[in-house]
Amino acid sequence: MRSYEIFSRLNPEERIILYAVGALDRPLRSKVKLQKLLFLVSNVFDDISELMRFEPHFLGPYSEVVVSVTEQLETLGLIQKETEGYTLTPMGTEVFARLRPVPQLVSVMADFKGLLNDLNDNDVLTFIYACYPQYTKESLLWEDLQKNRMRVAVSLLRKGKLSTGRAAQVAGLGEADFIATLNEPRTRRG
C-alpha cells in the first residue's frame, strides 16, 4: 500500500500518535514517555483528551487507546520500537510528511517532547505525579519517587525546562521555600 493510501485511512488517534513519534525528528525513548507525552498534550486539547481517555494506572496516567493504536501503527509498518525508542519507519516518514497538524499542536508537542525526552522514566513520572496528583492513587512508584522530588525539580529548573513556580510544585514546596532551599549551601541540601 502506498503512503497516500495509508494516510487517507488513518483515524485521528493514529495521526496524533504518528505525529508524536515523528515530532522533532527524535525518537520517543520509552512507552512511559509516549504515554506521558500524549497525556500532557491531551491536557491542552480537549478533543485529544476525549480520544485518548487517560486514567490512573500503576505508572501514572495511562491510555489503553495509546497502546492499541501504537500496536496498529507498528503493524501498518509506520513506527517501530527499537532500543533507542519509538521511531518512524521509512513509510512512516512518508506518511508523517503528509500530516498537517494545527500550529498550536506543533508547538505544544515540541515543548512537551523536548521536556520529557531528556529525562529518565522515573524523572518523567516524578514530574507527572507532582503536577497531576490525582493520578497517584494507583501508582506503584510514587512513594519511592517522592524522595527525589527536589533533585528532579532543581535539575529541570537548571536545564531551563521548568519555571521556578513549576519546579517548586515538582519539589513539593511553595515557591518562596523552594527558592530559599536553592540558596542554601549544597551541604545542607544534600
N, C-alpha and C. Protein backbone atom coordinates (compact mmCIF):
# COMPACT_ATOMS: atom_id res chain seq x y z
N MET A 1 0.85 -1.18 0.00
CA MET A 1 0.00 0.00 0.00
C MET A 1 0.90 1.24 0.00
N ARG A 2 0.52 2.22 -0.74
CA ARG A 2 1.31 3.46 -0.85
C ARG A 2 1.01 4.38 0.32
N SER A 3 1.96 5.32 0.58
CA SER A 3 1.84 6.20 1.74
C SER A 3 0.58 7.06 1.68
N TYR A 4 0.18 7.53 0.49
CA TYR A 4 -1.03 8.36 0.42
C TYR A 4 -2.28 7.55 0.72
N GLU A 5 -2.28 6.24 0.38
CA GLU A 5 -3.42 5.39 0.70
C GLU A 5 -3.50 5.16 2.22
N ILE A 6 -2.35 4.90 2.82
CA ILE A 6 -2.31 4.71 4.28
C ILE A 6 -2.74 6.00 4.97
N PHE A 7 -2.18 7.13 4.52
CA PHE A 7 -2.51 8.42 5.13
C PHE A 7 -4.01 8.66 5.10
N SER A 8 -4.65 8.41 3.99
CA SER A 8 -6.08 8.70 3.85
C SER A 8 -6.93 7.81 4.76
N ARG A 9 -6.40 6.68 5.19
CA ARG A 9 -7.15 5.75 6.04
C ARG A 9 -6.88 5.93 7.54
N LEU A 10 -5.93 6.78 7.89
CA LEU A 10 -5.60 6.96 9.31
C LEU A 10 -6.72 7.67 10.05
N ASN A 11 -7.05 7.16 11.24
CA ASN A 11 -8.04 7.83 12.07
C ASN A 11 -7.33 8.91 12.90
N PRO A 12 -8.07 9.77 13.58
CA PRO A 12 -7.44 10.86 14.34
C PRO A 12 -6.44 10.37 15.39
N GLU A 13 -6.76 9.28 16.09
CA GLU A 13 -5.84 8.76 17.10
C GLU A 13 -4.52 8.34 16.48
N GLU A 14 -4.59 7.66 15.34
CA GLU A 14 -3.38 7.21 14.65
C GLU A 14 -2.55 8.41 14.18
N ARG A 15 -3.21 9.42 13.69
CA ARG A 15 -2.48 10.62 13.23
C ARG A 15 -1.76 11.31 14.39
N ILE A 16 -2.43 11.41 15.52
CA ILE A 16 -1.82 12.08 16.69
C ILE A 16 -0.61 11.30 17.18
N ILE A 17 -0.75 9.99 17.30
CA ILE A 17 0.37 9.19 17.80
C ILE A 17 1.51 9.17 16.79
N LEU A 18 1.19 9.07 15.52
CA LEU A 18 2.23 9.14 14.49
C LEU A 18 2.96 10.48 14.56
N TYR A 19 2.20 11.55 14.75
CA TYR A 19 2.82 12.86 14.87
C TYR A 19 3.70 12.94 16.11
N ALA A 20 3.22 12.39 17.22
CA ALA A 20 4.00 12.41 18.46
C ALA A 20 5.34 11.69 18.28
N VAL A 21 5.33 10.56 17.60
CA VAL A 21 6.57 9.81 17.39
C VAL A 21 7.51 10.59 16.47
N GLY A 22 6.98 11.22 15.44
CA GLY A 22 7.83 11.90 14.46
C GLY A 22 8.23 13.32 14.81
N ALA A 23 7.54 13.94 15.75
CA ALA A 23 7.82 15.34 16.09
C ALA A 23 9.27 15.52 16.53
N LEU A 24 9.85 16.60 16.11
CA LEU A 24 11.23 16.99 16.43
C LEU A 24 12.27 16.03 15.85
N ASP A 25 11.83 15.09 15.03
CA ASP A 25 12.75 14.14 14.39
C ASP A 25 13.66 13.44 15.40
N ARG A 26 13.08 13.16 16.59
CA ARG A 26 13.82 12.44 17.64
C ARG A 26 12.93 11.31 18.14
N PRO A 27 13.52 10.15 18.43
CA PRO A 27 12.68 9.05 18.92
C PRO A 27 12.11 9.34 20.30
N LEU A 28 10.99 8.72 20.58
CA LEU A 28 10.45 8.70 21.94
C LEU A 28 11.06 7.47 22.59
N ARG A 29 11.79 7.66 23.67
CA ARG A 29 12.66 6.61 24.18
C ARG A 29 12.00 5.52 25.00
N SER A 30 10.71 5.59 25.28
CA SER A 30 10.07 4.53 26.05
C SER A 30 8.56 4.62 25.92
N LYS A 31 7.90 3.52 26.31
CA LYS A 31 6.44 3.51 26.36
C LYS A 31 5.93 4.51 27.37
N VAL A 32 6.65 4.64 28.49
CA VAL A 32 6.25 5.61 29.52
C VAL A 32 6.25 7.02 28.93
N LYS A 33 7.29 7.37 28.21
CA LYS A 33 7.36 8.73 27.63
C LYS A 33 6.29 8.95 26.59
N LEU A 34 5.98 7.94 25.79
CA LEU A 34 4.91 8.09 24.80
C LEU A 34 3.58 8.33 25.52
N GLN A 35 3.28 7.53 26.53
CA GLN A 35 2.03 7.72 27.28
C GLN A 35 1.98 9.11 27.92
N LYS A 36 3.07 9.52 28.56
CA LYS A 36 3.05 10.79 29.29
C LYS A 36 3.05 11.99 28.35
N LEU A 37 3.74 11.88 27.23
CA LEU A 37 3.69 12.96 26.22
C LEU A 37 2.25 13.17 25.77
N LEU A 38 1.59 12.09 25.40
CA LEU A 38 0.21 12.22 24.93
C LEU A 38 -0.73 12.66 26.04
N PHE A 39 -0.45 12.24 27.27
CA PHE A 39 -1.24 12.72 28.40
C PHE A 39 -1.11 14.24 28.54
N LEU A 40 0.11 14.74 28.52
CA LEU A 40 0.32 16.19 28.66
C LEU A 40 -0.36 16.95 27.52
N VAL A 41 -0.23 16.44 26.31
CA VAL A 41 -0.88 17.09 25.16
C VAL A 41 -2.39 17.05 25.32
N SER A 42 -2.92 15.94 25.82
CA SER A 42 -4.37 15.83 25.98
C SER A 42 -4.91 16.80 27.03
N ASN A 43 -4.06 17.26 27.93
CA ASN A 43 -4.49 18.25 28.91
C ASN A 43 -4.59 19.65 28.32
N VAL A 44 -4.05 19.84 27.14
CA VAL A 44 -4.12 21.13 26.46
C VAL A 44 -5.28 21.14 25.45
N PHE A 45 -5.54 19.99 24.85
CA PHE A 45 -6.54 19.89 23.79
C PHE A 45 -7.66 18.94 24.22
N ASP A 46 -8.85 19.48 24.43
CA ASP A 46 -9.98 18.67 24.87
C ASP A 46 -10.31 17.55 23.89
N ASP A 47 -10.21 17.82 22.59
CA ASP A 47 -10.56 16.79 21.62
C ASP A 47 -9.59 15.61 21.69
N ILE A 48 -8.33 15.87 21.98
CA ILE A 48 -7.36 14.79 22.14
C ILE A 48 -7.63 14.05 23.44
N SER A 49 -8.00 14.76 24.47
CA SER A 49 -8.33 14.14 25.74
C SER A 49 -9.49 13.15 25.57
N GLU A 50 -10.49 13.54 24.81
CA GLU A 50 -11.64 12.67 24.57
C GLU A 50 -11.24 11.43 23.78
N LEU A 51 -10.31 11.58 22.85
CA LEU A 51 -9.86 10.44 22.04
C LEU A 51 -9.02 9.46 22.85
N MET A 52 -8.15 9.96 23.70
CA MET A 52 -7.15 9.13 24.37
C MET A 52 -7.64 8.53 25.69
N ARG A 53 -8.54 9.19 26.40
CA ARG A 53 -9.15 8.67 27.63
C ARG A 53 -8.13 8.13 28.64
N PHE A 54 -7.39 9.00 29.24
CA PHE A 54 -6.39 8.62 30.25
C PHE A 54 -7.06 8.35 31.59
N GLU A 55 -6.51 7.41 32.33
CA GLU A 55 -7.00 7.09 33.67
C GLU A 55 -5.81 6.77 34.57
N PRO A 56 -6.00 6.84 35.89
CA PRO A 56 -4.91 6.48 36.81
C PRO A 56 -4.52 5.00 36.60
N HIS A 57 -3.23 4.74 36.70
CA HIS A 57 -2.72 3.39 36.48
C HIS A 57 -1.45 3.21 37.31
N PHE A 58 -0.86 2.04 37.24
CA PHE A 58 0.33 1.73 38.04
C PHE A 58 1.49 2.69 37.79
N LEU A 59 1.63 3.15 36.56
CA LEU A 59 2.70 4.08 36.21
C LEU A 59 2.12 5.42 35.78
N GLY A 60 1.16 5.91 36.52
CA GLY A 60 0.58 7.23 36.24
C GLY A 60 -0.48 7.18 35.17
N PRO A 61 -0.77 8.33 34.56
CA PRO A 61 -1.82 8.39 33.55
C PRO A 61 -1.56 7.37 32.45
N TYR A 62 -2.61 6.63 32.09
CA TYR A 62 -2.48 5.54 31.14
C TYR A 62 -3.69 5.53 30.22
N SER A 63 -3.43 5.25 28.95
CA SER A 63 -4.50 5.14 27.97
C SER A 63 -4.35 3.84 27.20
N GLU A 64 -5.36 3.00 27.30
CA GLU A 64 -5.38 1.76 26.50
C GLU A 64 -5.43 2.11 25.01
N VAL A 65 -6.05 3.23 24.67
CA VAL A 65 -6.12 3.67 23.28
C VAL A 65 -4.69 3.87 22.74
N VAL A 66 -3.83 4.49 23.52
CA VAL A 66 -2.45 4.72 23.08
C VAL A 66 -1.77 3.38 22.81
N VAL A 67 -1.97 2.41 23.68
CA VAL A 67 -1.34 1.10 23.50
C VAL A 67 -1.83 0.44 22.22
N SER A 68 -3.14 0.38 22.05
CA SER A 68 -3.68 -0.33 20.88
C SER A 68 -3.36 0.40 19.58
N VAL A 69 -3.42 1.71 19.58
CA VAL A 69 -3.12 2.46 18.36
C VAL A 69 -1.63 2.36 18.01
N THR A 70 -0.78 2.39 19.02
CA THR A 70 0.66 2.22 18.78
C THR A 70 0.92 0.86 18.14
N GLU A 71 0.27 -0.18 18.64
CA GLU A 71 0.41 -1.51 18.05
C GLU A 71 -0.10 -1.52 16.61
N GLN A 72 -1.20 -0.82 16.33
CA GLN A 72 -1.72 -0.74 14.97
C GLN A 72 -0.71 -0.06 14.04
N LEU A 73 -0.11 1.01 14.52
CA LEU A 73 0.87 1.73 13.70
C LEU A 73 2.11 0.88 13.45
N GLU A 74 2.48 0.06 14.43
CA GLU A 74 3.60 -0.87 14.21
C GLU A 74 3.21 -1.92 13.16
N THR A 75 2.00 -2.45 13.26
CA THR A 75 1.52 -3.45 12.30
C THR A 75 1.44 -2.86 10.90
N LEU A 76 1.05 -1.62 10.78
CA LEU A 76 0.99 -0.94 9.47
C LEU A 76 2.39 -0.64 8.93
N GLY A 77 3.39 -0.80 9.77
CA GLY A 77 4.76 -0.53 9.33
C GLY A 77 5.11 0.94 9.32
N LEU A 78 4.43 1.74 10.17
CA LEU A 78 4.69 3.18 10.20
C LEU A 78 5.64 3.58 11.33
N ILE A 79 5.60 2.84 12.43
CA ILE A 79 6.53 3.10 13.52
C ILE A 79 7.17 1.78 13.93
N GLN A 80 8.30 1.88 14.60
CA GLN A 80 8.98 0.69 15.10
C GLN A 80 9.56 0.97 16.46
N LYS A 81 9.61 -0.07 17.27
CA LYS A 81 10.22 0.03 18.60
C LYS A 81 11.61 -0.56 18.49
N GLU A 82 12.59 0.28 18.76
CA GLU A 82 13.98 -0.15 18.75
C GLU A 82 14.58 0.16 20.11
N THR A 83 15.84 -0.16 20.29
CA THR A 83 16.48 0.08 21.59
C THR A 83 16.47 1.56 21.95
N GLU A 84 16.58 2.45 20.97
CA GLU A 84 16.57 3.87 21.28
C GLU A 84 15.17 4.45 21.42
N GLY A 85 14.15 3.63 21.16
CA GLY A 85 12.78 4.08 21.37
C GLY A 85 11.93 3.92 20.13
N TYR A 86 10.78 4.58 20.15
CA TYR A 86 9.88 4.55 19.01
C TYR A 86 10.38 5.50 17.94
N THR A 87 10.48 5.00 16.72
CA THR A 87 10.89 5.83 15.59
C THR A 87 9.96 5.57 14.42
N LEU A 88 9.99 6.48 13.47
CA LEU A 88 9.24 6.29 12.24
C LEU A 88 10.02 5.36 11.33
N THR A 89 9.32 4.52 10.62
CA THR A 89 9.93 3.72 9.55
C THR A 89 10.03 4.61 8.31
N PRO A 90 10.69 4.14 7.25
CA PRO A 90 10.69 4.95 6.02
C PRO A 90 9.27 5.26 5.52
N MET A 91 8.37 4.27 5.57
CA MET A 91 6.98 4.53 5.17
C MET A 91 6.32 5.50 6.15
N GLY A 92 6.60 5.34 7.42
CA GLY A 92 6.07 6.25 8.43
C GLY A 92 6.54 7.68 8.19
N THR A 93 7.78 7.84 7.76
CA THR A 93 8.31 9.16 7.46
C THR A 93 7.56 9.79 6.30
N GLU A 94 7.23 8.99 5.29
CA GLU A 94 6.46 9.49 4.15
C GLU A 94 5.06 9.93 4.59
N VAL A 95 4.42 9.11 5.41
CA VAL A 95 3.08 9.45 5.88
C VAL A 95 3.14 10.66 6.81
N PHE A 96 4.14 10.69 7.68
CA PHE A 96 4.33 11.83 8.60
C PHE A 96 4.42 13.14 7.82
N ALA A 97 5.10 13.13 6.70
CA ALA A 97 5.27 14.34 5.88
C ALA A 97 3.93 14.87 5.37
N ARG A 98 2.92 14.03 5.30
CA ARG A 98 1.59 14.44 4.83
C ARG A 98 0.73 15.05 5.95
N LEU A 99 1.13 14.79 7.20
CA LEU A 99 0.36 15.33 8.33
C LEU A 99 0.48 16.85 8.35
N ARG A 100 -0.60 17.50 8.61
CA ARG A 100 -0.61 18.96 8.70
C ARG A 100 -1.32 19.38 9.98
N PRO A 101 -0.69 19.11 11.14
CA PRO A 101 -1.35 19.48 12.40
C PRO A 101 -1.43 21.00 12.54
N VAL A 102 -2.38 21.43 13.36
CA VAL A 102 -2.53 22.86 13.61
C VAL A 102 -1.27 23.38 14.29
N PRO A 103 -0.89 24.63 14.02
CA PRO A 103 0.35 25.17 14.60
C PRO A 103 0.43 25.07 16.12
N GLN A 104 -0.70 25.22 16.81
CA GLN A 104 -0.67 25.12 18.26
C GLN A 104 -0.27 23.72 18.70
N LEU A 105 -0.75 22.67 18.03
CA LEU A 105 -0.36 21.30 18.36
C LEU A 105 1.13 21.10 18.10
N VAL A 106 1.64 21.64 17.01
CA VAL A 106 3.07 21.53 16.70
C VAL A 106 3.89 22.11 17.84
N SER A 107 3.50 23.29 18.31
CA SER A 107 4.23 23.97 19.38
C SER A 107 4.15 23.20 20.70
N VAL A 108 2.95 22.79 21.08
CA VAL A 108 2.75 22.08 22.34
C VAL A 108 3.48 20.74 22.31
N MET A 109 3.37 20.02 21.22
CA MET A 109 4.03 18.72 21.10
C MET A 109 5.55 18.89 21.21
N ALA A 110 6.09 19.89 20.54
CA ALA A 110 7.53 20.13 20.60
C ALA A 110 7.98 20.48 22.02
N ASP A 111 7.21 21.32 22.70
CA ASP A 111 7.56 21.70 24.07
C ASP A 111 7.57 20.48 25.00
N PHE A 112 6.51 19.69 24.96
CA PHE A 112 6.43 18.55 25.86
C PHE A 112 7.42 17.45 25.49
N LYS A 113 7.61 17.21 24.20
CA LYS A 113 8.58 16.18 23.81
C LYS A 113 9.99 16.61 24.20
N GLY A 114 10.28 17.90 24.04
CA GLY A 114 11.58 18.42 24.47
C GLY A 114 11.77 18.30 25.97
N LEU A 115 10.71 18.49 26.72
CA LEU A 115 10.78 18.36 28.18
C LEU A 115 11.05 16.92 28.60
N LEU A 116 10.30 15.99 28.05
CA LEU A 116 10.34 14.61 28.52
C LEU A 116 11.50 13.79 27.99
N ASN A 117 11.89 14.04 26.77
CA ASN A 117 12.81 13.12 26.11
C ASN A 117 14.19 13.05 26.75
N ASP A 118 14.62 14.10 27.41
CA ASP A 118 15.94 14.09 28.05
C ASP A 118 15.92 13.51 29.45
N LEU A 119 14.76 13.13 29.94
CA LEU A 119 14.63 12.62 31.30
C LEU A 119 14.56 11.10 31.30
N ASN A 120 14.96 10.51 32.42
CA ASN A 120 14.72 9.07 32.54
C ASN A 120 13.26 8.88 32.95
N ASP A 121 12.78 7.65 32.85
CA ASP A 121 11.36 7.39 33.11
C ASP A 121 10.94 7.76 34.53
N ASN A 122 11.80 7.52 35.52
CA ASN A 122 11.44 7.88 36.90
C ASN A 122 11.30 9.38 37.07
N ASP A 123 12.15 10.16 36.42
CA ASP A 123 12.03 11.61 36.50
C ASP A 123 10.77 12.10 35.79
N VAL A 124 10.43 11.46 34.68
CA VAL A 124 9.18 11.78 33.98
C VAL A 124 8.00 11.53 34.92
N LEU A 125 8.00 10.37 35.58
CA LEU A 125 6.90 10.04 36.48
C LEU A 125 6.85 10.99 37.67
N THR A 126 8.01 11.37 38.20
CA THR A 126 8.04 12.33 39.31
C THR A 126 7.38 13.63 38.89
N PHE A 127 7.74 14.13 37.72
CA PHE A 127 7.15 15.36 37.19
C PHE A 127 5.64 15.21 37.04
N ILE A 128 5.20 14.13 36.41
CA ILE A 128 3.77 13.93 36.17
C ILE A 128 3.00 13.82 37.48
N TYR A 129 3.48 12.99 38.39
CA TYR A 129 2.78 12.81 39.66
C TYR A 129 2.71 14.11 40.46
N ALA A 130 3.80 14.87 40.46
CA ALA A 130 3.82 16.12 41.22
C ALA A 130 2.84 17.14 40.64
N CYS A 131 2.73 17.17 39.33
CA CYS A 131 1.86 18.15 38.67
C CYS A 131 0.41 17.68 38.54
N TYR A 132 0.20 16.38 38.58
CA TYR A 132 -1.14 15.80 38.42
C TYR A 132 -1.37 14.76 39.52
N PRO A 133 -1.47 15.20 40.77
CA PRO A 133 -1.54 14.25 41.89
C PRO A 133 -2.75 13.32 41.85
N GLN A 134 -3.78 13.65 41.11
CA GLN A 134 -4.94 12.77 41.01
C GLN A 134 -4.59 11.45 40.33
N TYR A 135 -3.44 11.37 39.70
CA TYR A 135 -3.02 10.14 39.03
C TYR A 135 -2.09 9.28 39.88
N THR A 136 -1.91 9.63 41.16
CA THR A 136 -1.03 8.85 42.04
C THR A 136 -1.75 7.71 42.75
N LYS A 137 -3.06 7.70 42.73
CA LYS A 137 -3.81 6.75 43.57
C LYS A 137 -3.57 5.29 43.21
N GLU A 138 -3.22 4.97 41.98
CA GLU A 138 -2.93 3.59 41.59
C GLU A 138 -1.42 3.34 41.46
N SER A 139 -0.62 4.34 41.73
CA SER A 139 0.81 4.26 41.47
C SER A 139 1.53 3.20 42.30
N LEU A 140 2.44 2.53 41.65
CA LEU A 140 3.32 1.59 42.33
C LEU A 140 4.61 2.26 42.79
N LEU A 141 4.91 3.44 42.25
CA LEU A 141 6.22 4.05 42.46
C LEU A 141 6.22 5.38 43.20
N TRP A 142 5.09 6.03 43.31
CA TRP A 142 5.06 7.40 43.82
C TRP A 142 5.72 7.53 45.19
N GLU A 143 5.48 6.59 46.06
CA GLU A 143 6.08 6.67 47.39
C GLU A 143 7.61 6.75 47.31
N ASP A 144 8.22 5.94 46.49
CA ASP A 144 9.68 5.96 46.33
C ASP A 144 10.15 7.19 45.55
N LEU A 145 9.39 7.58 44.54
CA LEU A 145 9.79 8.72 43.70
C LEU A 145 9.80 10.04 44.46
N GLN A 146 8.97 10.15 45.47
CA GLN A 146 8.89 11.40 46.23
C GLN A 146 10.22 11.77 46.88
N LYS A 147 11.04 10.79 47.14
CA LYS A 147 12.35 11.04 47.77
C LYS A 147 13.26 11.88 46.89
N ASN A 148 13.02 11.87 45.59
CA ASN A 148 13.88 12.59 44.64
C ASN A 148 13.24 13.83 44.03
N ARG A 149 12.15 14.27 44.61
CA ARG A 149 11.43 15.42 44.04
C ARG A 149 12.30 16.65 43.92
N MET A 150 13.05 16.95 44.96
CA MET A 150 13.88 18.16 44.94
C MET A 150 14.95 18.05 43.86
N ARG A 151 15.60 16.90 43.77
CA ARG A 151 16.64 16.72 42.76
C ARG A 151 16.07 16.89 41.35
N VAL A 152 14.93 16.30 41.09
CA VAL A 152 14.29 16.41 39.78
C VAL A 152 13.92 17.86 39.50
N ALA A 153 13.34 18.52 40.48
CA ALA A 153 12.92 19.92 40.30
C ALA A 153 14.12 20.82 40.00
N VAL A 154 15.19 20.67 40.75
CA VAL A 154 16.39 21.50 40.54
C VAL A 154 16.99 21.22 39.17
N SER A 155 17.06 19.96 38.81
CA SER A 155 17.61 19.59 37.51
C SER A 155 16.80 20.20 36.36
N LEU A 156 15.49 20.10 36.44
CA LEU A 156 14.64 20.66 35.38
C LEU A 156 14.72 22.18 35.34
N LEU A 157 14.82 22.80 36.50
CA LEU A 157 14.96 24.25 36.55
C LEU A 157 16.29 24.68 35.93
N ARG A 158 17.36 24.03 36.30
CA ARG A 158 18.70 24.39 35.78
C ARG A 158 18.82 24.15 34.28
N LYS A 159 18.11 23.15 33.77
CA LYS A 159 18.13 22.88 32.33
C LYS A 159 17.21 23.84 31.56
N GLY A 160 16.49 24.70 32.30
CA GLY A 160 15.58 25.64 31.66
C GLY A 160 14.30 25.00 31.17
N LYS A 161 13.95 23.84 31.69
CA LYS A 161 12.76 23.13 31.24
C LYS A 161 11.51 23.51 32.01
N LEU A 162 11.70 24.08 33.22
CA LEU A 162 10.56 24.49 34.04
C LEU A 162 10.78 25.88 34.59
N SER A 163 9.69 26.57 34.83
CA SER A 163 9.74 27.85 35.54
C SER A 163 10.02 27.56 37.00
N THR A 164 10.37 28.58 37.75
CA THR A 164 10.61 28.41 39.19
C THR A 164 9.35 27.92 39.89
N GLY A 165 8.20 28.46 39.51
CA GLY A 165 6.95 28.05 40.13
C GLY A 165 6.63 26.59 39.88
N ARG A 166 6.80 26.15 38.64
CA ARG A 166 6.52 24.75 38.30
C ARG A 166 7.56 23.83 38.97
N ALA A 167 8.82 24.25 39.03
CA ALA A 167 9.85 23.46 39.71
C ALA A 167 9.52 23.33 41.20
N ALA A 168 9.03 24.40 41.80
CA ALA A 168 8.63 24.35 43.21
C ALA A 168 7.51 23.32 43.40
N GLN A 169 6.57 23.30 42.47
CA GLN A 169 5.48 22.32 42.53
C GLN A 169 6.03 20.90 42.45
N VAL A 170 6.98 20.67 41.55
CA VAL A 170 7.58 19.34 41.44
C VAL A 170 8.30 18.98 42.74
N ALA A 171 8.97 19.95 43.36
CA ALA A 171 9.68 19.71 44.61
C ALA A 171 8.73 19.51 45.78
N GLY A 172 7.48 19.91 45.63
CA GLY A 172 6.51 19.78 46.71
C GLY A 172 6.61 20.91 47.71
N LEU A 173 7.10 22.06 47.26
CA LEU A 173 7.28 23.23 48.13
C LEU A 173 6.57 24.43 47.55
N GLY A 174 6.31 25.42 48.40
CA GLY A 174 5.86 26.71 47.92
C GLY A 174 7.04 27.38 47.21
N GLU A 175 6.76 28.32 46.37
CA GLU A 175 7.83 28.95 45.58
C GLU A 175 8.87 29.61 46.47
N ALA A 176 8.45 30.33 47.51
CA ALA A 176 9.41 31.00 48.40
C ALA A 176 10.31 29.99 49.11
N ASP A 177 9.72 28.91 49.61
CA ASP A 177 10.53 27.88 50.28
C ASP A 177 11.48 27.20 49.30
N PHE A 178 11.02 26.99 48.09
CA PHE A 178 11.88 26.37 47.07
C PHE A 178 13.08 27.27 46.77
N ILE A 179 12.83 28.55 46.59
CA ILE A 179 13.92 29.50 46.31
C ILE A 179 14.88 29.55 47.49
N ALA A 180 14.34 29.56 48.70
CA ALA A 180 15.20 29.57 49.89
C ALA A 180 16.07 28.31 49.94
N THR A 181 15.49 27.18 49.60
CA THR A 181 16.24 25.92 49.59
C THR A 181 17.33 25.96 48.52
N LEU A 182 17.03 26.54 47.38
CA LEU A 182 18.03 26.66 46.31
C LEU A 182 19.22 27.49 46.76
N ASN A 183 18.95 28.48 47.60
CA ASN A 183 20.01 29.39 48.05
C ASN A 183 20.80 28.86 49.23
N GLU A 184 20.38 27.74 49.81
CA GLU A 184 21.13 27.13 50.91
C GLU A 184 22.43 26.53 50.36
N PRO A 185 23.46 26.50 51.18
CA PRO A 185 24.68 25.82 50.73
C PRO A 185 24.39 24.36 50.41
N ARG A 186 25.05 23.83 49.41
CA ARG A 186 24.82 22.49 48.92
C ARG A 186 24.92 21.42 50.00
N THR A 187 25.80 21.59 50.95
CA THR A 187 25.97 20.59 52.01
C THR A 187 24.72 20.45 52.86
N ARG A 188 23.97 21.52 53.01
CA ARG A 188 22.74 21.46 53.82
C ARG A 188 21.59 20.85 53.03
N ARG A 189 21.60 20.99 51.69
CA ARG A 189 20.54 20.44 50.87
C ARG A 189 20.74 18.96 50.58
N GLY A 190 21.99 18.51 50.63
CA GLY A 190 22.27 17.11 50.31
C GLY A 190 22.50 17.01 48.89
